[in-house]
C-alpha atoms as a PDB file:
ATOM      1  CA  UNK A   1     -53.198 -29.119  29.951  1.00  0.00           C
ATOM      2  CA  UNK A   2     -55.243 -28.640  26.781  1.00  0.00           C
ATOM      3  CA  UNK A   3     -56.593 -32.191  27.142  1.00  0.00           C
ATOM      4  CA  UNK A   4     -58.192 -31.300  30.468  1.00  0.00           C
ATOM      5  CA  UNK A   5     -61.962 -30.991  29.861  1.00  0.00           C
ATOM      6  CA  UNK A   6     -62.161 -28.155  32.359  1.00  0.00           C
ATOM      7  CA  UNK A   7     -59.484 -26.200  30.493  1.00  0.00           C
ATOM      8  CA  UNK A   8     -61.842 -24.850  27.836  1.00  0.00           C
ATOM      9  CA  UNK A   9     -64.607 -24.242  30.367  1.00  0.00           C
ATOM     10  CA  UNK A  10     -62.197 -22.357  32.610  1.00  0.00           C
ATOM     11  CA  UNK A  11     -60.730 -20.199  29.839  1.00  0.00           C
ATOM     12  CA  UNK A  12     -64.135 -19.468  28.338  1.00  0.00           C
ATOM     13  CA  UNK A  13     -65.438 -18.566  31.786  1.00  0.00           C
ATOM     14  CA  UNK A  14     -62.517 -16.198  32.391  1.00  0.00           C
ATOM     15  CA  UNK A  15     -63.024 -14.547  28.996  1.00  0.00           C
ATOM     16  CA  UNK A  16     -66.733 -14.042  29.638  1.00  0.00           C
ATOM     17  CA  UNK A  17     -66.027 -12.689  33.129  1.00  0.00           C
ATOM     18  CA  UNK A  18     -63.351 -10.270  31.870  1.00  0.00           C
ATOM     19  CA  UNK A  19     -65.632  -9.043  29.058  1.00  0.00           C
ATOM     20  CA  UNK A  20     -68.566  -8.521  31.428  1.00  0.00           C
ATOM     21  CA  UNK A  21     -66.351  -6.773  33.982  1.00  0.00           C
ATOM     22  CA  UNK A  22     -64.969  -4.479  31.280  1.00  0.00           C
ATOM     23  CA  UNK A  23     -68.456  -3.621  30.065  1.00  0.00           C
ATOM     24  CA  UNK A  24     -69.486  -2.733  33.621  1.00  0.00           C
ATOM     25  CA  UNK A  25     -66.199  -1.206  34.765  1.00  0.00           C
ATOM     26  CA  UNK A  26     -67.937   1.841  36.285  1.00  0.00           C
ATOM     27  CA  UNK A  27     -69.736  -0.447  38.764  1.00  0.00           C
ATOM     28  CA  UNK A  28     -66.511  -2.060  39.968  1.00  0.00           C
ATOM     29  CA  UNK A  29     -63.771   0.576  40.147  1.00  0.00           C
ATOM     30  CA  UNK A  30     -62.254  -1.137  43.194  1.00  0.00           C
ATOM     31  CA  UNK A  31     -61.753  -4.383  41.156  1.00  0.00           C
ATOM     32  CA  UNK A  32     -60.138  -2.782  38.099  1.00  0.00           C
ATOM     33  CA  UNK A  33     -56.620  -3.925  38.998  1.00  0.00           C
ATOM     34  CA  UNK A  34     -57.706  -7.553  39.367  1.00  0.00           C
ATOM     35  CA  UNK A  35     -59.778  -7.405  36.146  1.00  0.00           C
ATOM     36  CA  UNK A  36     -56.714  -6.162  34.288  1.00  0.00           C
ATOM     37  CA  UNK A  37     -54.592  -8.878  35.892  1.00  0.00           C
ATOM     38  CA  UNK A  38     -57.099 -11.511  34.713  1.00  0.00           C
ATOM     39  CA  UNK A  39     -56.984 -10.042  31.187  1.00  0.00           C
ATOM     40  CA  UNK A  40     -53.177 -10.218  31.253  1.00  0.00           C
ATOM     41  CA  UNK A  41     -53.330 -13.800  32.507  1.00  0.00           C
ATOM     42  CA  UNK A  42     -55.648 -14.714  29.627  1.00  0.00           C
ATOM     43  CA  UNK A  43     -53.155 -13.283  27.125  1.00  0.00           C
ATOM     44  CA  UNK A  44     -50.372 -15.321  28.729  1.00  0.00           C
ATOM     45  CA  UNK A  45     -52.512 -18.471  28.698  1.00  0.00           C
ATOM     46  CA  UNK A  46     -53.204 -18.024  24.976  1.00  0.00           C
ATOM     47  CA  UNK A  47     -49.498 -17.475  24.256  1.00  0.00           C
ATOM     48  CA  UNK A  48     -48.429 -20.515  26.242  1.00  0.00           C
ATOM     49  CA  UNK A  49     -51.171 -22.620  24.672  1.00  0.00           C
ATOM     50  CA  UNK A  50     -50.014 -21.584  21.199  1.00  0.00           C
ATOM     51  CA  UNK A  51     -46.409 -22.364  22.097  1.00  0.00           C
ATOM     52  CA  UNK A  52     -47.459 -25.742  23.522  1.00  0.00           C
ATOM     53  CA  UNK A  53     -49.281 -26.623  20.283  1.00  0.00           C
ATOM     54  CA  UNK A  54     -46.209 -25.657  18.247  1.00  0.00           C
ATOM     55  CA  UNK A  55     -43.955 -27.764  20.470  1.00  0.00           C
ATOM     56  CA  UNK A  56     -46.337 -30.711  20.205  1.00  0.00           C
ATOM     57  CA  UNK A  57     -46.236 -30.463  16.414  1.00  0.00           C
ATOM     58  CA  UNK A  58     -42.431 -30.195  16.475  1.00  0.00           C
ATOM     59  CA  UNK A  59     -42.236 -33.220  18.772  1.00  0.00           C
ATOM     60  CA  UNK A  60     -44.399 -35.279  16.426  1.00  0.00           C
ATOM     61  CA  UNK A  61     -42.285 -34.222  13.470  1.00  0.00           C
ATOM     62  CA  UNK A  62     -39.083 -35.125  15.320  1.00  0.00           C
ATOM     63  CA  UNK A  63     -40.560 -38.502  16.271  1.00  0.00           C
ATOM     64  CA  UNK A  64     -41.393 -39.271  12.640  1.00  0.00           C
ATOM     65  CA  UNK A  65     -37.910 -38.218  11.544  1.00  0.00           C
ATOM     66  CA  UNK A  66     -36.354 -40.373  14.265  1.00  0.00           C
ATOM     67  CA  UNK A  67     -38.423 -43.398  13.183  1.00  0.00           C
ATOM     68  CA  UNK A  68     -37.308 -42.913   9.575  1.00  0.00           C
ATOM     69  CA  UNK A  69     -33.654 -42.654  10.593  1.00  0.00           C
ATOM     70  CA  UNK A  70     -33.903 -45.727  12.820  1.00  0.00           C
ATOM     71  CA  UNK A  71     -35.407 -47.778   9.979  1.00  0.00           C
ATOM     72  CA  UNK A  72     -32.662 -46.625   7.622  1.00  0.00           C
ATOM     73  CA  UNK A  73     -29.994 -47.397  10.216  1.00  0.00           C
ATOM     74  CA  UNK A  74     -31.377 -50.910  10.773  1.00  0.00           C
ATOM     75  CA  UNK A  75     -31.218 -51.616   7.044  1.00  0.00           C
ATOM     76  CA  UNK A  76     -27.630 -50.363   6.832  1.00  0.00           C
ATOM     77  CA  UNK A  77     -26.549 -52.366   9.888  1.00  0.00           C
ATOM     78  CA  UNK A  78     -28.097 -55.526   8.449  1.00  0.00           C
ATOM     79  CA  UNK A  79     -26.346 -54.911   5.136  1.00  0.00           C
ATOM     80  CA  UNK A  80     -23.000 -54.458   6.900  1.00  0.00           C
ATOM     81  CA  UNK A  81     -23.472 -57.602   9.014  1.00  0.00           C
ATOM     82  CA  UNK A  82     -24.164 -59.628   5.876  1.00  0.00           C
ATOM     83  CA  UNK A  83     -21.016 -58.178   4.281  1.00  0.00           C
ATOM     84  CA  UNK A  84     -18.947 -59.107   7.353  1.00  0.00           C
ATOM     85  CA  UNK A  85     -20.282 -62.659   7.301  1.00  0.00           C
ATOM     86  CA  UNK A  86     -19.575 -62.873   3.581  1.00  0.00           C
ATOM     87  CA  UNK A  87     -15.980 -61.680   4.094  1.00  0.00           C
ATOM     88  CA  UNK A  88     -15.071 -63.883   7.064  1.00  0.00           C
ATOM     89  CA  UNK A  89     -17.482 -66.772   6.621  1.00  0.00           C
ATOM     90  CA  UNK A  90     -20.214 -68.088   8.886  1.00  0.00           C
ATOM     91  CA  UNK A  91     -17.866 -70.140  11.076  1.00  0.00           C
ATOM     92  CA  UNK A  92     -15.101 -67.602  11.679  1.00  0.00           C
ATOM     93  CA  UNK A  93     -14.426 -66.657  15.278  1.00  0.00           C
ATOM     94  CA  UNK A  94     -13.558 -63.171  13.967  1.00  0.00           C
ATOM     95  CA  UNK A  95     -17.334 -62.547  13.855  1.00  0.00           C
ATOM     96  CA  UNK A  96     -17.348 -62.289  17.651  1.00  0.00           C
ATOM     97  CA  UNK A  97     -15.400 -59.020  17.331  1.00  0.00           C
ATOM     98  CA  UNK A  98     -18.427 -57.570  15.508  1.00  0.00           C
ATOM     99  CA  UNK A  99     -20.886 -59.000  18.064  1.00  0.00           C
ATOM    100  CA  UNK A 100     -22.014 -61.624  15.552  1.00  0.00           C
ATOM    101  CA  UNK A 101     -22.545 -65.240  16.476  1.00  0.00           C
ATOM    102  CA  UNK A 102     -20.389 -67.623  14.432  1.00  0.00           C
ATOM    103  CA  UNK A 103     -22.011 -70.849  13.322  1.00  0.00           C
ATOM    104  CA  UNK A 104     -20.756 -73.589  15.574  1.00  0.00           C
ATOM    105  CA  UNK A 105     -21.854 -77.155  15.074  1.00  0.00           C
ATOM    106  CA  UNK A 106     -23.399 -78.776  18.071  1.00  0.00           C
ATOM    107  CA  UNK A 107     -21.205 -81.083  20.032  1.00  0.00           C
ATOM    108  CA  UNK A 108     -22.716 -84.498  20.108  1.00  0.00           C
ATOM    109  CA  UNK A 109     -23.131 -86.101  23.473  1.00  0.00           C
ATOM    110  CA  UNK A 110     -20.667 -88.854  24.188  1.00  0.00           C
ATOM    111  CA  UNK A 111     -22.055 -92.266  23.318  1.00  0.00           C
ATOM    112  CA  UNK A 112     -22.896 -94.326  26.395  1.00  0.00           C
ATOM    113  CA  UNK A 113     -20.620 -97.301  27.000  1.00  0.00           C
ATOM    114  CA  UNK A 114     -21.557-100.304  24.905  1.00  0.00           C
ATOM    115  CA  UNK A 115     -21.575-102.709  27.835  1.00  0.00           C
ATOM    116  CA  UNK A 116     -24.801-104.564  28.292  1.00  0.00           C
ATOM    117  CA  UNK A 117     -25.939-106.082  31.486  1.00  0.00           C
ATOM    118  CA  UNK A 118     -26.785-109.735  31.291  1.00  0.00           C
ATOM    119  CA  UNK A 119     -30.454-110.442  31.293  1.00  0.00           C
ATOM    120  CA  UNK A 120     -31.703-112.613  34.091  1.00  0.00           C
ATOM    121  CA  UNK A 121     -32.557-116.071  32.872  1.00  0.00           C
ATOM    122  CA  UNK A 122     -36.189-116.970  32.614  1.00  0.00           C
ATOM    123  CA  UNK A 123     -37.146-119.280  35.401  1.00  0.00           C
ATOM    124  CA  UNK A 124     -37.824-122.749  34.113  1.00  0.00           C
ATOM    125  CA  UNK A 125     -41.002-124.219  35.310  1.00  0.00           C
END
């Protein structure tokens, strides 16, 4: 809500209106209840805005902490995967248990049969 360009204009307008109404309260005795309600609403808006800013800061801090932990976790997982490969070897099927791909040599395609078709003879002229 704080990013809304009208937010500041609205709040500033309410504050100015409440201040002017308070200064001229004797002219508007029939609107005193609503003026007080607007003043109370302004206090609530300020409180919620302050709480929102604190939550935004806490969210950013939590995001940074999460990014740090994820980076650390990735490093540890890579280290462990290397240790598993070192223990079992690159070709071991046991690696599949750890969701690691064992090195498997490619199967070569079967050689085509060695039969050759006879070439047609060149016509003699």
